[in-house]
Amino acid sequence: MALQITDQNFEQLLAEGKPMLVDFWATWCGPCKMIGPSIEELAQQYSDQAIIGKVDVDDNSELPLQFRVRNIPTILFIKDGQVVDRQVGAVPKSTLEAKLQAIL
């Protein structure tokens, strides 16, 4: 299951040093609901290799501001503490998986 990433636990997760896929979403967002199952599948597939998590933009205001998230869903791919790729909008799981593979 994808981790619930919050303003409070993000830095601790980042400090683990694993590559991260961070999905910025909201419960009212249709495209977010479309890619939700793909995020969950990737979280199961890559649980030992990467941190896969979701940030609810309605409950967390600091992270969306910090990463300049203007639209949702926005998925960030983070390696070595830096955002190395970004996907805005709903895309097939294969697209997300290819971007994740690129940072592993």
N, C-alpha and C. Protein backbone atom coordinates (compact mmCIF):
# COMPACT_ATOMS: atom_id res chain seq x y z
N MET A 1 0.83 -1.19 0.00
CA MET A 1 0.00 0.00 0.00
C MET A 1 0.87 1.25 0.00
N ALA A 2 0.45 2.24 -0.76
CA ALA A 2 1.21 3.49 -0.83
C ALA A 2 1.21 4.16 0.55
N LEU A 3 2.34 4.74 0.90
CA LEU A 3 2.46 5.45 2.17
C LEU A 3 1.68 6.76 2.12
N GLN A 4 1.18 7.18 3.25
CA GLN A 4 0.58 8.51 3.35
C GLN A 4 1.72 9.46 3.72
N ILE A 5 2.10 10.28 2.77
CA ILE A 5 3.18 11.24 3.00
C ILE A 5 2.55 12.56 3.43
N THR A 6 3.12 13.14 4.48
CA THR A 6 2.58 14.38 5.04
C THR A 6 3.69 15.42 5.16
N ASP A 7 3.26 16.65 5.45
CA ASP A 7 4.23 17.72 5.72
C ASP A 7 5.17 17.30 6.85
N GLN A 8 4.64 16.49 7.79
CA GLN A 8 5.41 16.12 8.97
C GLN A 8 6.40 14.97 8.72
N ASN A 9 6.06 14.00 7.87
CA ASN A 9 6.94 12.83 7.73
C ASN A 9 7.80 12.83 6.46
N PHE A 10 7.65 13.81 5.60
CA PHE A 10 8.37 13.81 4.32
C PHE A 10 9.89 13.78 4.50
N GLU A 11 10.41 14.67 5.33
CA GLU A 11 11.87 14.75 5.51
C GLU A 11 12.44 13.45 6.06
N GLN A 12 11.72 12.81 6.97
CA GLN A 12 12.16 11.53 7.54
C GLN A 12 12.22 10.46 6.44
N LEU A 13 11.20 10.41 5.59
CA LEU A 13 11.19 9.45 4.49
C LEU A 13 12.30 9.74 3.49
N LEU A 14 12.52 11.01 3.20
CA LEU A 14 13.57 11.41 2.27
C LEU A 14 14.94 10.99 2.81
N ALA A 15 15.12 11.07 4.12
CA ALA A 15 16.39 10.73 4.75
C ALA A 15 16.73 9.24 4.62
N GLU A 16 15.74 8.41 4.31
CA GLU A 16 16.02 6.98 4.12
C GLU A 16 16.90 6.73 2.90
N GLY A 17 16.94 7.69 1.99
CA GLY A 17 17.85 7.59 0.86
C GLY A 17 17.35 6.78 -0.33
N LYS A 18 16.15 6.23 -0.23
CA LYS A 18 15.61 5.45 -1.35
C LYS A 18 15.00 6.40 -2.38
N PRO A 19 14.99 5.98 -3.65
CA PRO A 19 14.24 6.77 -4.64
C PRO A 19 12.78 6.85 -4.21
N MET A 20 12.12 7.96 -4.59
CA MET A 20 10.73 8.16 -4.18
C MET A 20 9.85 8.49 -5.37
N LEU A 21 8.62 7.97 -5.32
CA LEU A 21 7.56 8.39 -6.22
C LEU A 21 6.51 9.01 -5.31
N VAL A 22 6.22 10.30 -5.52
CA VAL A 22 5.29 11.02 -4.66
C VAL A 22 4.13 11.54 -5.49
N ASP A 23 2.94 11.04 -5.19
CA ASP A 23 1.71 11.39 -5.91
C ASP A 23 0.95 12.46 -5.12
N PHE A 24 0.83 13.66 -5.70
CA PHE A 24 0.03 14.72 -5.09
C PHE A 24 -1.39 14.58 -5.64
N TRP A 25 -2.37 14.41 -4.73
CA TRP A 25 -3.73 14.08 -5.15
C TRP A 25 -4.75 14.70 -4.20
N ALA A 26 -6.03 14.52 -4.53
CA ALA A 26 -7.12 14.93 -3.65
C ALA A 26 -8.29 13.98 -3.87
N THR A 27 -9.12 13.83 -2.85
CA THR A 27 -10.25 12.90 -2.93
C THR A 27 -11.27 13.31 -3.98
N TRP A 28 -11.37 14.59 -4.28
CA TRP A 28 -12.36 15.09 -5.23
C TRP A 28 -11.86 15.11 -6.67
N CYS A 29 -10.63 14.69 -6.90
CA CYS A 29 -9.98 14.79 -8.21
C CYS A 29 -10.21 13.51 -9.03
N GLY A 30 -10.96 13.63 -10.12
CA GLY A 30 -11.25 12.48 -10.98
C GLY A 30 -10.02 11.80 -11.55
N PRO A 31 -9.11 12.55 -12.20
CA PRO A 31 -7.90 11.92 -12.73
C PRO A 31 -7.04 11.27 -11.64
N CYS A 32 -7.07 11.83 -10.42
CA CYS A 32 -6.32 11.24 -9.31
C CYS A 32 -6.88 9.85 -8.99
N LYS A 33 -8.21 9.74 -9.03
CA LYS A 33 -8.85 8.46 -8.76
C LYS A 33 -8.51 7.45 -9.86
N MET A 34 -8.34 7.94 -11.09
CA MET A 34 -8.01 7.05 -12.21
C MET A 34 -6.63 6.41 -12.02
N ILE A 35 -5.66 7.20 -11.56
CA ILE A 35 -4.30 6.63 -11.43
C ILE A 35 -4.04 6.01 -10.06
N GLY A 36 -4.96 6.19 -9.13
CA GLY A 36 -4.79 5.64 -7.78
C GLY A 36 -4.45 4.16 -7.75
N PRO A 37 -5.20 3.32 -8.49
CA PRO A 37 -4.87 1.88 -8.49
C PRO A 37 -3.46 1.59 -9.02
N SER A 38 -3.02 2.36 -10.01
CA SER A 38 -1.66 2.17 -10.53
C SER A 38 -0.61 2.49 -9.49
N ILE A 39 -0.84 3.56 -8.73
CA ILE A 39 0.09 3.95 -7.66
C ILE A 39 0.15 2.84 -6.62
N GLU A 40 -1.00 2.29 -6.25
CA GLU A 40 -1.04 1.20 -5.27
C GLU A 40 -0.30 -0.04 -5.78
N GLU A 41 -0.49 -0.38 -7.05
CA GLU A 41 0.21 -1.54 -7.63
C GLU A 41 1.72 -1.32 -7.62
N LEU A 42 2.16 -0.12 -7.99
CA LEU A 42 3.59 0.17 -7.98
C LEU A 42 4.15 0.11 -6.56
N ALA A 43 3.35 0.56 -5.59
CA ALA A 43 3.79 0.52 -4.19
C ALA A 43 4.05 -0.92 -3.76
N GLN A 44 3.21 -1.84 -4.20
CA GLN A 44 3.42 -3.24 -3.86
C GLN A 44 4.61 -3.83 -4.60
N GLN A 45 4.70 -3.53 -5.89
CA GLN A 45 5.77 -4.09 -6.72
C GLN A 45 7.16 -3.63 -6.28
N TYR A 46 7.28 -2.38 -5.87
CA TYR A 46 8.59 -1.79 -5.62
C TYR A 46 8.82 -1.46 -4.15
N SER A 47 8.07 -2.10 -3.26
CA SER A 47 8.15 -1.76 -1.83
C SER A 47 9.56 -1.89 -1.25
N ASP A 48 10.37 -2.80 -1.79
CA ASP A 48 11.72 -2.98 -1.25
C ASP A 48 12.75 -2.09 -1.94
N GLN A 49 12.38 -1.45 -3.05
CA GLN A 49 13.35 -0.67 -3.81
C GLN A 49 13.14 0.84 -3.73
N ALA A 50 11.90 1.25 -3.46
CA ALA A 50 11.58 2.68 -3.50
C ALA A 50 10.48 2.99 -2.50
N ILE A 51 10.35 4.27 -2.19
CA ILE A 51 9.26 4.75 -1.36
C ILE A 51 8.19 5.28 -2.31
N ILE A 52 7.02 4.68 -2.26
CA ILE A 52 5.91 5.10 -3.10
C ILE A 52 4.84 5.66 -2.17
N GLY A 53 4.49 6.92 -2.35
CA GLY A 53 3.54 7.51 -1.44
C GLY A 53 2.65 8.56 -2.07
N LYS A 54 1.65 8.97 -1.29
CA LYS A 54 0.65 9.93 -1.75
C LYS A 54 0.55 11.08 -0.76
N VAL A 55 0.44 12.28 -1.30
CA VAL A 55 0.25 13.49 -0.49
C VAL A 55 -1.13 14.05 -0.81
N ASP A 56 -2.01 14.06 0.18
CA ASP A 56 -3.32 14.67 0.01
C ASP A 56 -3.15 16.19 0.11
N VAL A 57 -3.38 16.89 -1.00
CA VAL A 57 -3.13 18.33 -1.03
C VAL A 57 -4.10 19.12 -0.15
N ASP A 58 -5.24 18.51 0.19
CA ASP A 58 -6.19 19.20 1.07
C ASP A 58 -5.75 19.15 2.53
N ASP A 59 -4.96 18.14 2.89
CA ASP A 59 -4.51 17.98 4.27
C ASP A 59 -3.09 18.48 4.50
N ASN A 60 -2.36 18.73 3.44
CA ASN A 60 -0.95 19.13 3.54
C ASN A 60 -0.72 20.32 2.62
N SER A 61 -0.31 21.44 3.19
CA SER A 61 -0.12 22.65 2.38
C SER A 61 1.34 22.96 2.10
N GLU A 62 2.25 22.51 2.95
CA GLU A 62 3.67 22.87 2.78
C GLU A 62 4.32 22.17 1.59
N LEU A 63 4.10 20.87 1.45
CA LEU A 63 4.76 20.13 0.36
C LEU A 63 4.31 20.59 -1.02
N PRO A 64 3.00 20.77 -1.27
CA PRO A 64 2.62 21.27 -2.59
C PRO A 64 3.24 22.63 -2.90
N LEU A 65 3.36 23.48 -1.89
CA LEU A 65 3.99 24.78 -2.07
C LEU A 65 5.48 24.63 -2.34
N GLN A 66 6.13 23.79 -1.56
CA GLN A 66 7.57 23.57 -1.69
C GLN A 66 7.93 23.06 -3.09
N PHE A 67 7.10 22.17 -3.64
CA PHE A 67 7.39 21.57 -4.94
C PHE A 67 6.62 22.22 -6.09
N ARG A 68 6.00 23.36 -5.81
CA ARG A 68 5.28 24.13 -6.83
C ARG A 68 4.26 23.28 -7.59
N VAL A 69 3.48 22.53 -6.85
CA VAL A 69 2.42 21.71 -7.45
C VAL A 69 1.24 22.64 -7.73
N ARG A 70 0.92 22.81 -9.02
CA ARG A 70 -0.17 23.69 -9.43
C ARG A 70 -1.40 22.90 -9.87
N ASN A 71 -1.18 21.70 -10.39
CA ASN A 71 -2.27 20.86 -10.88
C ASN A 71 -2.12 19.48 -10.26
N ILE A 72 -3.25 18.79 -10.12
CA ILE A 72 -3.20 17.42 -9.64
C ILE A 72 -3.93 16.52 -10.60
N PRO A 73 -3.53 15.29 -10.74
CA PRO A 73 -2.39 14.70 -10.04
C PRO A 73 -1.06 15.20 -10.60
N THR A 74 -0.11 15.40 -9.70
CA THR A 74 1.29 15.64 -10.06
C THR A 74 2.09 14.56 -9.36
N ILE A 75 2.91 13.86 -10.12
CA ILE A 75 3.74 12.81 -9.55
C ILE A 75 5.20 13.23 -9.68
N LEU A 76 5.89 13.26 -8.55
CA LEU A 76 7.31 13.61 -8.53
C LEU A 76 8.14 12.34 -8.40
N PHE A 77 9.26 12.32 -9.09
CA PHE A 77 10.23 11.23 -8.99
C PHE A 77 11.49 11.84 -8.38
N ILE A 78 11.84 11.36 -7.19
CA ILE A 78 12.93 11.96 -6.41
C ILE A 78 14.04 10.94 -6.23
N LYS A 79 15.25 11.38 -6.55
CA LYS A 79 16.44 10.53 -6.36
C LYS A 79 17.52 11.39 -5.71
N ASP A 80 18.17 10.84 -4.70
CA ASP A 80 19.23 11.55 -3.98
C ASP A 80 18.75 12.92 -3.48
N GLY A 81 17.48 12.96 -3.06
CA GLY A 81 16.94 14.17 -2.48
C GLY A 81 16.51 15.23 -3.49
N GLN A 82 16.65 14.95 -4.78
CA GLN A 82 16.32 15.93 -5.81
C GLN A 82 15.21 15.43 -6.72
N VAL A 83 14.32 16.32 -7.13
CA VAL A 83 13.29 15.96 -8.10
C VAL A 83 13.97 15.81 -9.46
N VAL A 84 13.92 14.61 -10.01
CA VAL A 84 14.57 14.35 -11.30
C VAL A 84 13.58 14.21 -12.44
N ASP A 85 12.30 14.04 -12.11
CA ASP A 85 11.26 13.95 -13.13
C ASP A 85 9.93 14.31 -12.50
N ARG A 86 8.98 14.69 -13.35
CA ARG A 86 7.66 15.13 -12.89
C ARG A 86 6.65 14.74 -13.96
N GLN A 87 5.52 14.21 -13.52
CA GLN A 87 4.43 13.87 -14.43
C GLN A 87 3.18 14.57 -13.95
N VAL A 88 2.57 15.36 -14.81
CA VAL A 88 1.33 16.05 -14.46
C VAL A 88 0.20 15.43 -15.27
N GLY A 89 -0.86 15.06 -14.58
CA GLY A 89 -2.02 14.47 -15.25
C GLY A 89 -2.00 12.96 -15.19
N ALA A 90 -3.14 12.39 -15.53
CA ALA A 90 -3.29 10.93 -15.51
C ALA A 90 -2.61 10.31 -16.72
N VAL A 91 -1.83 9.28 -16.46
CA VAL A 91 -1.12 8.55 -17.51
C VAL A 91 -1.22 7.05 -17.19
N PRO A 92 -0.94 6.20 -18.18
CA PRO A 92 -0.97 4.76 -17.92
C PRO A 92 0.10 4.35 -16.90
N LYS A 93 -0.16 3.24 -16.23
CA LYS A 93 0.80 2.71 -15.26
C LYS A 93 2.17 2.50 -15.89
N SER A 94 2.19 2.06 -17.16
CA SER A 94 3.47 1.79 -17.83
C SER A 94 4.34 3.04 -17.90
N THR A 95 3.74 4.21 -18.06
CA THR A 95 4.49 5.46 -18.11
C THR A 95 5.13 5.74 -16.75
N LEU A 96 4.33 5.57 -15.69
CA LEU A 96 4.87 5.80 -14.34
C LEU A 96 5.96 4.80 -14.02
N GLU A 97 5.75 3.54 -14.41
CA GLU A 97 6.72 2.49 -14.11
C GLU A 97 8.04 2.75 -14.83
N ALA A 98 7.97 3.21 -16.07
CA ALA A 98 9.20 3.51 -16.83
C ALA A 98 9.98 4.65 -16.16
N LYS A 99 9.27 5.67 -15.69
CA LYS A 99 9.95 6.78 -15.01
C LYS A 99 10.54 6.32 -13.68
N LEU A 100 9.83 5.43 -12.99
CA LEU A 100 10.34 4.90 -11.73
C LEU A 100 11.57 4.05 -11.98
N GLN A 101 11.51 3.19 -12.98
CA GLN A 101 12.66 2.35 -13.32
C GLN A 101 13.90 3.19 -13.62
N ALA A 102 13.69 4.33 -14.24
CA ALA A 102 14.82 5.20 -14.61
C ALA A 102 15.58 5.74 -13.41
N ILE A 103 14.92 5.80 -12.23
CA ILE A 103 15.62 6.33 -11.05
C ILE A 103 16.08 5.24 -10.09
N LEU A 104 15.80 3.99 -10.42
CA LEU A 104 16.24 2.90 -9.53
C LEU A 104 17.67 2.51 -9.82
